[in-house]
Amino acid sequence: MGYKNAVSVFPADLLEAIQQYIDGEYIYIPRKAANKKRWGEVKNSRQYIQERNEIIFSQYRDGISVEDIASCNYLSPKTIYKILANRKSQC
């Protein structure tokens, strides 16, 4: 999100109308619904986590303990159990 000076963006009459409601303060203008991106789309976080969870599930199937998997992935055992339960429900 970047800041722009309203003087350089809005026509003078629109700027005056906005100043009737908010004068000299910051205002957030949200994106249009059609332009919104889902969580993880910008930096591929969603794909990274999905791949990580698949690796965790395969490690578990190979007999590695939940505590060891948690330690290697810097996650709590409770989080590993949630990942496993979610993955098992998808199969």
PDB file of N, CA and C in Angstrom:
ATOM      1  N   MET A   1       0.852  -1.165   0.000  1.00  0.00           N
ATOM      2  CA  MET A   1       0.000   0.000   0.000  1.00  0.00           C
ATOM      3  C   MET A   1       0.896   1.224   0.000  1.00  0.00           C
ATOM      4  N   GLY A   2       0.607   2.162  -0.877  1.00  0.00           N
ATOM      5  CA  GLY A   2       1.386   3.377  -0.943  1.00  0.00           C
ATOM      6  C   GLY A   2       0.507   4.592  -0.705  1.00  0.00           C
ATOM      7  N   TYR A   3       1.139   5.659  -0.297  1.00  0.00           N
ATOM      8  CA  TYR A   3       0.422   6.901  -0.073  1.00  0.00           C
ATOM      9  C   TYR A   3       0.604   7.815  -1.270  1.00  0.00           C
ATOM     10  N   LYS A   4      -0.457   8.484  -1.631  1.00  0.00           N
ATOM     11  CA  LYS A   4      -0.402   9.460  -2.716  1.00  0.00           C
ATOM     12  C   LYS A   4      -1.033  10.751  -2.203  1.00  0.00           C
ATOM     13  N   ASN A   5      -0.558  11.860  -2.732  1.00  0.00           N
ATOM     14  CA  ASN A   5      -1.122  13.146  -2.368  1.00  0.00           C
ATOM     15  C   ASN A   5      -2.450  13.315  -3.110  1.00  0.00           C
ATOM     16  N   ALA A   6      -3.517  13.574  -2.366  1.00  0.00           N
ATOM     17  CA  ALA A   6      -4.850  13.686  -2.961  1.00  0.00           C
ATOM     18  C   ALA A   6      -4.919  14.806  -3.994  1.00  0.00           C
ATOM     19  N   VAL A   7      -4.110  15.843  -3.846  1.00  0.00           N
ATOM     20  CA  VAL A   7      -4.114  16.956  -4.798  1.00  0.00           C
ATOM     21  C   VAL A   7      -3.701  16.467  -6.181  1.00  0.00           C
ATOM     22  N   SER A   8      -2.790  15.514  -6.219  1.00  0.00           N
ATOM     23  CA  SER A   8      -2.317  15.026  -7.515  1.00  0.00           C
ATOM     24  C   SER A   8      -3.184  13.894  -8.077  1.00  0.00           C
ATOM     25  N   VAL A   9      -4.136  13.397  -7.303  1.00  0.00           N
ATOM     26  CA  VAL A   9      -4.951  12.269  -7.736  1.00  0.00           C
ATOM     27  C   VAL A   9      -6.388  12.685  -8.079  1.00  0.00           C
ATOM     28  N   PHE A  10      -7.005  13.482  -7.218  1.00  0.00           N
ATOM     29  CA  PHE A  10      -8.418  13.823  -7.377  1.00  0.00           C
ATOM     30  C   PHE A  10      -8.613  15.171  -8.062  1.00  0.00           C
ATOM     31  N   PRO A  11      -9.692  15.307  -8.807  1.00  0.00           N
ATOM     32  CA  PRO A  11     -10.039  16.631  -9.329  1.00  0.00           C
ATOM     33  C   PRO A  11     -10.396  17.556  -8.160  1.00  0.00           C
ATOM     34  N   ALA A  12     -10.236  18.832  -8.358  1.00  0.00           N
ATOM     35  CA  ALA A  12     -10.423  19.812  -7.280  1.00  0.00           C
ATOM     36  C   ALA A  12     -11.803  19.722  -6.642  1.00  0.00           C
ATOM     37  N   ASP A  13     -12.872  19.571  -7.432  1.00  0.00           N
ATOM     38  CA  ASP A  13     -14.213  19.527  -6.858  1.00  0.00           C
ATOM     39  C   ASP A  13     -14.431  18.268  -6.011  1.00  0.00           C
ATOM     40  N   LEU A  14     -13.863  17.145  -6.422  1.00  0.00           N
ATOM     41  CA  LEU A  14     -13.981  15.922  -5.632  1.00  0.00           C
ATOM     42  C   LEU A  14     -13.178  16.046  -4.342  1.00  0.00           C
ATOM     43  N   LEU A  15     -11.996  16.643  -4.418  1.00  0.00           N
ATOM     44  CA  LEU A  15     -11.165  16.847  -3.239  1.00  0.00           C
ATOM     45  C   LEU A  15     -11.881  17.719  -2.217  1.00  0.00           C
ATOM     46  N   GLU A  16     -12.534  18.776  -2.681  1.00  0.00           N
ATOM     47  CA  GLU A  16     -13.290  19.643  -1.771  1.00  0.00           C
ATOM     48  C   GLU A  16     -14.432  18.878  -1.112  1.00  0.00           C
ATOM     49  N   ALA A  17     -15.096  18.008  -1.858  1.00  0.00           N
ATOM     50  CA  ALA A  17     -16.181  17.217  -1.293  1.00  0.00           C
ATOM     51  C   ALA A  17     -15.660  16.261  -0.222  1.00  0.00           C
ATOM     52  N   ILE A  18     -14.518  15.643  -0.478  1.00  0.00           N
ATOM     53  CA  ILE A  18     -13.922  14.737   0.510  1.00  0.00           C
ATOM     54  C   ILE A  18     -13.501  15.502   1.755  1.00  0.00           C
ATOM     55  N   GLN A  19     -12.976  16.714   1.569  1.00  0.00           N
ATOM     56  CA  GLN A  19     -12.517  17.517   2.704  1.00  0.00           C
ATOM     57  C   GLN A  19     -13.667  17.943   3.608  1.00  0.00           C
ATOM     58  N   GLN A  20     -14.893  17.897   3.119  1.00  0.00           N
ATOM     59  CA  GLN A  20     -16.033  18.197   3.986  1.00  0.00           C
ATOM     60  C   GLN A  20     -16.208  17.109   5.043  1.00  0.00           C
ATOM     61  N   TYR A  21     -15.793  15.881   4.720  1.00  0.00           N
ATOM     62  CA  TYR A  21     -15.943  14.765   5.656  1.00  0.00           C
ATOM     63  C   TYR A  21     -14.688  14.504   6.467  1.00  0.00           C
ATOM     64  N   ILE A  22     -13.537  14.661   5.846  1.00  0.00           N
ATOM     65  CA  ILE A  22     -12.268  14.396   6.524  1.00  0.00           C
ATOM     66  C   ILE A  22     -11.244  15.390   5.974  1.00  0.00           C
ATOM     67  N   ASP A  23     -10.692  16.199   6.846  1.00  0.00           N
ATOM     68  CA  ASP A  23      -9.802  17.275   6.416  1.00  0.00           C
ATOM     69  C   ASP A  23      -8.433  17.102   7.059  1.00  0.00           C
ATOM     70  N   GLY A  24      -7.444  16.828   6.235  1.00  0.00           N
ATOM     71  CA  GLY A  24      -6.072  16.744   6.739  1.00  0.00           C
ATOM     72  C   GLY A  24      -5.745  15.452   7.460  1.00  0.00           C
ATOM     73  N   GLU A  25      -6.535  14.402   7.303  1.00  0.00           N
ATOM     74  CA  GLU A  25      -6.263  13.121   7.949  1.00  0.00           C
ATOM     75  C   GLU A  25      -6.065  12.052   6.889  1.00  0.00           C
ATOM     76  N   TYR A  26      -5.542  10.918   7.315  1.00  0.00           N
ATOM     77  CA  TYR A  26      -5.355   9.802   6.401  1.00  0.00           C
ATOM     78  C   TYR A  26      -6.670   9.066   6.213  1.00  0.00           C
ATOM     79  N   ILE A  27      -6.855   8.548   5.017  1.00  0.00           N
ATOM     80  CA  ILE A  27      -8.037   7.752   4.723  1.00  0.00           C
ATOM     81  C   ILE A  27      -7.593   6.572   3.862  1.00  0.00           C
ATOM     82  N   TYR A  28      -8.180   5.409   4.134  1.00  0.00           N
ATOM     83  CA  TYR A  28      -7.864   4.211   3.370  1.00  0.00           C
ATOM     84  C   TYR A  28      -8.968   3.987   2.350  1.00  0.00           C
ATOM     85  N   ILE A  29      -8.592   3.814   1.104  1.00  0.00           N
ATOM     86  CA  ILE A  29      -9.551   3.518   0.046  1.00  0.00           C
ATOM     87  C   ILE A  29      -9.306   2.065  -0.356  1.00  0.00           C
ATOM     88  N   PRO A  30     -10.254   1.162  -0.056  1.00  0.00           N
ATOM     89  CA  PRO A  30     -10.034  -0.261  -0.334  1.00  0.00           C
ATOM     90  C   PRO A  30     -10.057  -0.569  -1.820  1.00  0.00           C
ATOM     91  N   ARG A  31      -9.480  -1.686  -2.171  1.00  0.00           N
ATOM     92  CA  ARG A  31      -9.491  -2.153  -3.556  1.00  0.00           C
ATOM     93  C   ARG A  31     -10.901  -2.572  -3.950  1.00  0.00           C
ATOM     94  N   LYS A  32     -11.146  -2.560  -5.243  1.00  0.00           N
ATOM     95  CA  LYS A  32     -12.385  -3.118  -5.760  1.00  0.00           C
ATOM     96  C   LYS A  32     -12.349  -4.620  -5.532  1.00  0.00           C
ATOM     97  N   ALA A  33     -13.513  -5.220  -5.337  1.00  0.00           N
ATOM     98  CA  ALA A  33     -13.580  -6.658  -5.077  1.00  0.00           C
ATOM     99  C   ALA A  33     -12.933  -7.461  -6.196  1.00  0.00           C
ATOM    100  N   ALA A  34     -13.069  -7.004  -7.419  1.00  0.00           N
ATOM    101  CA  ALA A  34     -12.502  -7.731  -8.562  1.00  0.00           C
ATOM    102  C   ALA A  34     -10.975  -7.695  -8.566  1.00  0.00           C
ATOM    103  N   ASN A  35     -10.374  -6.717  -7.891  1.00  0.00           N
ATOM    104  CA  ASN A  35      -8.917  -6.570  -7.890  1.00  0.00           C
ATOM    105  C   ASN A  35      -8.243  -7.170  -6.663  1.00  0.00           C
ATOM    106  N   LYS A  36      -9.036  -7.686  -5.723  1.00  0.00           N
ATOM    107  CA  LYS A  36      -8.448  -8.240  -4.499  1.00  0.00           C
ATOM    108  C   LYS A  36      -7.746  -9.550  -4.809  1.00  0.00           C
ATOM    109  N   LYS A  37      -6.663  -9.781  -4.089  1.00  0.00           N
ATOM    110  CA  LYS A  37      -5.916 -11.013  -4.226  1.00  0.00           C
ATOM    111  C   LYS A  37      -6.138 -11.844  -2.964  1.00  0.00           C
ATOM    112  N   ARG A  38      -6.197 -13.149  -3.140  1.00  0.00           N
ATOM    113  CA  ARG A  38      -6.342 -14.031  -1.993  1.00  0.00           C
ATOM    114  C   ARG A  38      -5.040 -14.077  -1.216  1.00  0.00           C
ATOM    115  N   TRP A  39      -5.145 -14.483   0.063  1.00  0.00           N
ATOM    116  CA  TRP A  39      -3.970 -14.581   0.897  1.00  0.00           C
ATOM    117  C   TRP A  39      -2.971 -15.530   0.248  1.00  0.00           C
ATOM    118  N   GLY A  40      -1.714 -15.117   0.180  1.00  0.00           N
ATOM    119  CA  GLY A  40      -0.648 -15.965  -0.321  1.00  0.00           C
ATOM    120  C   GLY A  40      -0.422 -15.902  -1.815  1.00  0.00           C
ATOM    121  N   GLU A  41      -1.219 -15.145  -2.551  1.00  0.00           N
ATOM    122  CA  GLU A  41      -1.054 -15.091  -4.001  1.00  0.00           C
ATOM    123  C   GLU A  41       0.147 -14.251  -4.426  1.00  0.00           C
ATOM    124  N   VAL A  42       0.443 -13.212  -3.700  1.00  0.00           N
ATOM    125  CA  VAL A  42       1.498 -12.296  -4.111  1.00  0.00           C
ATOM    126  C   VAL A  42       2.883 -12.936  -3.997  1.00  0.00           C
ATOM    127  N   LYS A  43       3.143 -13.611  -2.892  1.00  0.00           N
ATOM    128  CA  LYS A  43       4.474 -14.176  -2.659  1.00  0.00           C
ATOM    129  C   LYS A  43       4.477 -15.701  -2.663  1.00  0.00           C
ATOM    130  N   ASN A  44       3.429 -16.324  -3.168  1.00  0.00           N
ATOM    131  CA  ASN A  44       3.321 -17.784  -3.260  1.00  0.00           C
ATOM    132  C   ASN A  44       3.389 -18.490  -1.909  1.00  0.00           C
ATOM    133  N   SER A  45       2.976 -17.807  -0.840  1.00  0.00           N
ATOM    134  CA  SER A  45       2.988 -18.407   0.489  1.00  0.00           C
ATOM    135  C   SER A  45       2.056 -19.601   0.563  1.00  0.00           C
ATOM    136  N   ARG A  46       0.909 -19.499  -0.068  1.00  0.00           N
ATOM    137  CA  ARG A  46      -0.067 -20.584  -0.049  1.00  0.00           C
ATOM    138  C   ARG A  46       0.539 -21.859  -0.642  1.00  0.00           C
ATOM    139  N   GLN A  47       1.225 -21.740  -1.758  1.00  0.00           N
ATOM    140  CA  GLN A  47       1.844 -22.895  -2.411  1.00  0.00           C
ATOM    141  C   GLN A  47       2.969 -23.456  -1.547  1.00  0.00           C
ATOM    142  N   TYR A  48       3.771 -22.583  -0.943  1.00  0.00           N
ATOM    143  CA  TYR A  48       4.870 -23.029  -0.086  1.00  0.00           C
ATOM    144  C   TYR A  48       4.334 -23.851   1.083  1.00  0.00           C
ATOM    145  N   ILE A  49       3.284 -23.356   1.734  1.00  0.00           N
ATOM    146  CA  ILE A  49       2.731 -24.054   2.895  1.00  0.00           C
ATOM    147  C   ILE A  49       2.109 -25.380   2.488  1.00  0.00           C
ATOM    148  N   GLN A  50       1.458 -25.414   1.340  1.00  0.00           N
ATOM    149  CA  GLN A  50       0.873 -26.661   0.854  1.00  0.00           C
ATOM    150  C   GLN A  50       1.965 -27.700   0.611  1.00  0.00           C
ATOM    151  N   GLU A  51       3.057 -27.300  -0.018  1.00  0.00           N
ATOM    152  CA  GLU A  51       4.170 -28.222  -0.263  1.00  0.00           C
ATOM    153  C   GLU A  51       4.805 -28.672   1.052  1.00  0.00           C
ATOM    154  N   ARG A  52       4.974 -27.746   1.985  1.00  0.00           N
ATOM    155  CA  ARG A  52       5.540 -28.089   3.294  1.00  0.00           C
ATOM    156  C   ARG A  52       4.662 -29.116   4.001  1.00  0.00           C
ATOM    157  N   ASN A  53       3.339 -28.916   3.942  1.00  0.00           N
ATOM    158  CA  ASN A  53       2.421 -29.832   4.609  1.00  0.00           C
ATOM    159  C   ASN A  53       2.447 -31.219   3.973  1.00  0.00           C
ATOM    160  N   GLU A  54       2.628 -31.288   2.668  1.00  0.00           N
ATOM    161  CA  GLU A  54       2.745 -32.586   2.001  1.00  0.00           C
ATOM    162  C   GLU A  54       4.010 -33.308   2.456  1.00  0.00           C
ATOM    163  N   ILE A  55       5.095 -32.569   2.601  1.00  0.00           N
ATOM    164  CA  ILE A  55       6.346 -33.161   3.086  1.00  0.00           C
ATOM    165  C   ILE A  55       6.169 -33.657   4.519  1.00  0.00           C
ATOM    166  N   ILE A  56       5.511 -32.868   5.351  1.00  0.00           N
ATOM    167  CA  ILE A  56       5.260 -33.266   6.740  1.00  0.00           C
ATOM    168  C   ILE A  56       4.454 -34.556   6.783  1.00  0.00           C
ATOM    169  N   PHE A  57       3.431 -34.652   5.946  1.00  0.00           N
ATOM    170  CA  PHE A  57       2.593 -35.858   5.922  1.00  0.00           C
ATOM    171  C   PHE A  57       3.404 -37.073   5.467  1.00  0.00           C
ATOM    172  N   SER A  58       4.243 -36.896   4.465  1.00  0.00           N
ATOM    173  CA  SER A  58       5.046 -38.033   3.994  1.00  0.00           C
ATOM    174  C   SER A  58       6.078 -38.443   5.050  1.00  0.00           C
ATOM    175  N   GLN A  59       6.639 -37.479   5.790  1.00  0.00           N
ATOM    176  CA  GLN A  59       7.570 -37.810   6.872  1.00  0.00           C
ATOM    177  C   GLN A  59       6.864 -38.624   7.951  1.00  0.00           C
ATOM    178  N   TYR A  60       5.627 -38.226   8.248  1.00  0.00           N
ATOM    179  CA  TYR A  60       4.847 -38.937   9.260  1.00  0.00           C
ATOM    180  C   TYR A  60       4.558 -40.373   8.801  1.00  0.00           C
ATOM    181  N   ARG A  61       4.212 -40.529   7.527  1.00  0.00           N
ATOM    182  CA  ARG A  61       3.952 -41.880   6.980  1.00  0.00           C
ATOM    183  C   ARG A  61       5.224 -42.729   6.988  1.00  0.00           C
ATOM    184  N   ASP A  62       6.373 -42.090   6.867  1.00  0.00           N
ATOM    185  CA  ASP A  62       7.649 -42.812   6.890  1.00  0.00           C
ATOM    186  C   ASP A  62       8.088 -43.189   8.304  1.00  0.00           C
ATOM    187  N   GLY A  63       7.291 -42.805   9.304  1.00  0.00           N
ATOM    188  CA  GLY A  63       7.574 -43.223  10.672  1.00  0.00           C
ATOM    189  C   GLY A  63       8.327 -42.218  11.517  1.00  0.00           C
ATOM    190  N   ILE A  64       8.534 -41.033  11.030  1.00  0.00           N
ATOM    191  CA  ILE A  64       9.214 -40.008  11.833  1.00  0.00           C
ATOM    192  C   ILE A  64       8.230 -39.493  12.883  1.00  0.00           C
ATOM    193  N   SER A  65       8.709 -39.311  14.102  1.00  0.00           N
ATOM    194  CA  SER A  65       7.825 -38.899  15.197  1.00  0.00           C
ATOM    195  C   SER A  65       7.350 -37.457  15.009  1.00  0.00           C
ATOM    196  N   VAL A  66       6.203 -37.182  15.570  1.00  0.00           N
ATOM    197  CA  VAL A  66       5.623 -35.839  15.478  1.00  0.00           C
ATOM    198  C   VAL A  66       6.557 -34.817  16.114  1.00  0.00           C
ATOM    199  N   GLU A  67       7.177 -35.184  17.214  1.00  0.00           N
ATOM    200  CA  GLU A  67       8.084 -34.258  17.899  1.00  0.00           C
ATOM    201  C   GLU A  67       9.282 -33.907  17.014  1.00  0.00           C
ATOM    202  N   ASP A  68       9.817 -34.908  16.310  1.00  0.00           N
ATOM    203  CA  ASP A  68      10.955 -34.648  15.416  1.00  0.00           C
ATOM    204  C   ASP A  68      10.539 -33.786  14.224  1.00  0.00           C
ATOM    205  N   ILE A  69       9.375 -34.083  13.675  1.00  0.00           N
ATOM    206  CA  ILE A  69       8.879 -33.276  12.546  1.00  0.00           C
ATOM    207  C   ILE A  69       8.672 -31.831  12.992  1.00  0.00           C
ATOM    208  N   ALA A  70       8.083 -31.659  14.172  1.00  0.00           N
ATOM    209  CA  ALA A  70       7.836 -30.315  14.699  1.00  0.00           C
ATOM    210  C   ALA A  70       9.144 -29.566  14.904  1.00  0.00           C
ATOM    211  N   SER A  71      10.121 -30.247  15.456  1.00  0.00           N
ATOM    212  CA  SER A  71      11.411 -29.614  15.720  1.00  0.00           C
ATOM    213  C   SER A  71      12.100 -29.186  14.425  1.00  0.00           C
ATOM    214  N   CYS A  72      12.063 -30.044  13.412  1.00  0.00           N
ATOM    215  CA  CYS A  72      12.729 -29.734  12.140  1.00  0.00           C
ATOM    216  C   CYS A  72      12.051 -28.594  11.385  1.00  0.00           C
ATOM    217  N   ASN A  73      10.738 -28.434  11.594  1.00  0.00           N
ATOM    218  CA  ASN A  73       9.987 -27.410  10.859  1.00  0.00           C
ATOM    219  C   ASN A  73       9.695 -26.176  11.705  1.00  0.00           C
ATOM    220  N   TYR A  74      10.236 -26.133  12.914  1.00  0.00           N
ATOM    221  CA  TYR A  74      10.033 -25.007  13.830  1.00  0.00           C
ATOM    222  C   TYR A  74       8.549 -24.761  14.079  1.00  0.00           C
ATOM    223  N   LEU A  75       7.805 -25.861  14.270  1.00  0.00           N
ATOM    224  CA  LEU A  75       6.377 -25.797  14.565  1.00  0.00           C
ATOM    225  C   LEU A  75       6.124 -26.562  15.854  1.00  0.00           C
ATOM    226  N   SER A  76       4.982 -26.319  16.471  1.00  0.00           N
ATOM    227  CA  SER A  76       4.626 -27.066  17.670  1.00  0.00           C
ATOM    228  C   SER A  76       4.039 -28.415  17.272  1.00  0.00           C
ATOM    229  N   PRO A  77       4.139 -29.404  18.154  1.00  0.00           N
ATOM    230  CA  PRO A  77       3.508 -30.696  17.859  1.00  0.00           C
ATOM    231  C   PRO A  77       2.004 -30.563  17.614  1.00  0.00           C
ATOM    232  N   LYS A  78       1.363 -29.645  18.308  1.00  0.00           N
ATOM    233  CA  LYS A  78      -0.073 -29.430  18.109  1.00  0.00           C
ATOM    234  C   LYS A  78      -0.352 -28.991  16.661  1.00  0.00           C
ATOM    235  N   THR A  79       0.487 -28.137  16.122  1.00  0.00           N
ATOM    236  CA  THR A  79       0.327 -27.694  14.736  1.00  0.00           C
ATOM    237  C   THR A  79       0.535 -28.855  13.774  1.00  0.00           C
ATOM    238  N   ILE A  80       1.508 -29.707  14.070  1.00  0.00           N
ATOM    239  CA  ILE A  80       1.748 -30.873  13.219  1.00  0.00           C
ATOM    240  C   ILE A  80       0.524 -31.778  13.225  1.00  0.00           C
ATOM    241  N   TYR A  81      -0.068 -32.003  14.400  1.00  0.00           N
ATOM    242  CA  TYR A  81      -1.271 -32.835  14.476  1.00  0.00           C
ATOM    243  C   TYR A  81      -2.413 -32.240  13.657  1.00  0.00           C
ATOM    244  N   LYS A  82      -2.539 -30.920  13.669  1.00  0.00           N
ATOM    245  CA  LYS A  82      -3.586 -30.262  12.861  1.00  0.00           C
ATOM    246  C   LYS A  82      -3.332 -30.467  11.374  1.00  0.00           C
ATOM    247  N   ILE A  83      -2.074 -30.337  10.960  1.00  0.00           N
ATOM    248  CA  ILE A  83      -1.712 -30.539   9.562  1.00  0.00           C
ATOM    249  C   ILE A  83      -2.022 -31.976   9.145  1.00  0.00           C
ATOM    250  N   LEU A  84      -1.663 -32.926  10.002  1.00  0.00           N
ATOM    251  CA  LEU A  84      -1.904 -34.348   9.702  1.00  0.00           C
ATOM    252  C   LEU A  84      -3.400 -34.638   9.606  1.00  0.00           C
ATOM    253  N   ALA A  85      -4.182 -34.088  10.533  1.00  0.00           N
ATOM    254  CA  ALA A  85      -5.628 -34.319  10.522  1.00  0.00           C
ATOM    255  C   ALA A  85      -6.247 -33.727   9.265  1.00  0.00           C
ATOM    256  N   ASN A  86      -5.808 -32.559   8.889  1.00  0.00           N
ATOM    257  CA  ASN A  86      -6.317 -31.916   7.683  1.00  0.00           C
ATOM    258  C   ASN A  86      -5.956 -32.725   6.441  1.00  0.00           C
ATOM    259  N   ARG A  87      -4.736 -33.193   6.393  1.00  0.00           N
ATOM    260  CA  ARG A  87      -4.269 -33.971   5.233  1.00  0.00           C
ATOM    261  C   ARG A  87      -4.985 -35.316   5.148  1.00  0.00           C
ATOM    262  N   LYS A  88      -5.219 -35.941   6.309  1.00  0.00           N
ATOM    263  CA  LYS A  88      -5.922 -37.224   6.335  1.00  0.00           C
ATOM    264  C   LYS A  88      -7.363 -37.060   5.863  1.00  0.00           C
ATOM    265  N   SER A  89      -7.991 -35.954   6.196  1.00  0.00           N
ATOM    266  CA  SER A  89      -9.388 -35.729   5.785  1.00  0.00           C
ATOM    267  C   SER A  89      -9.482 -35.472   4.289  1.00  0.00           C
ATOM    268  N   GLN A  90      -8.390 -35.015   3.656  1.00  0.00           N
ATOM    269  CA  GLN A  90      -8.385 -34.756   2.215  1.00  0.00           C
ATOM    270  C   GLN A  90      -8.217 -36.050   1.422  1.00  0.00           C
ATOM    271  N   CYS A  91      -7.626 -37.065   2.038  1.00  0.00           N
ATOM    272  CA  CYS A  91      -7.382 -38.336   1.327  1.00  0.00           C
ATOM    273  C   CYS A  91      -8.619 -39.193   1.259  1.00  0.00           C
TER     274      CYS A  91
END
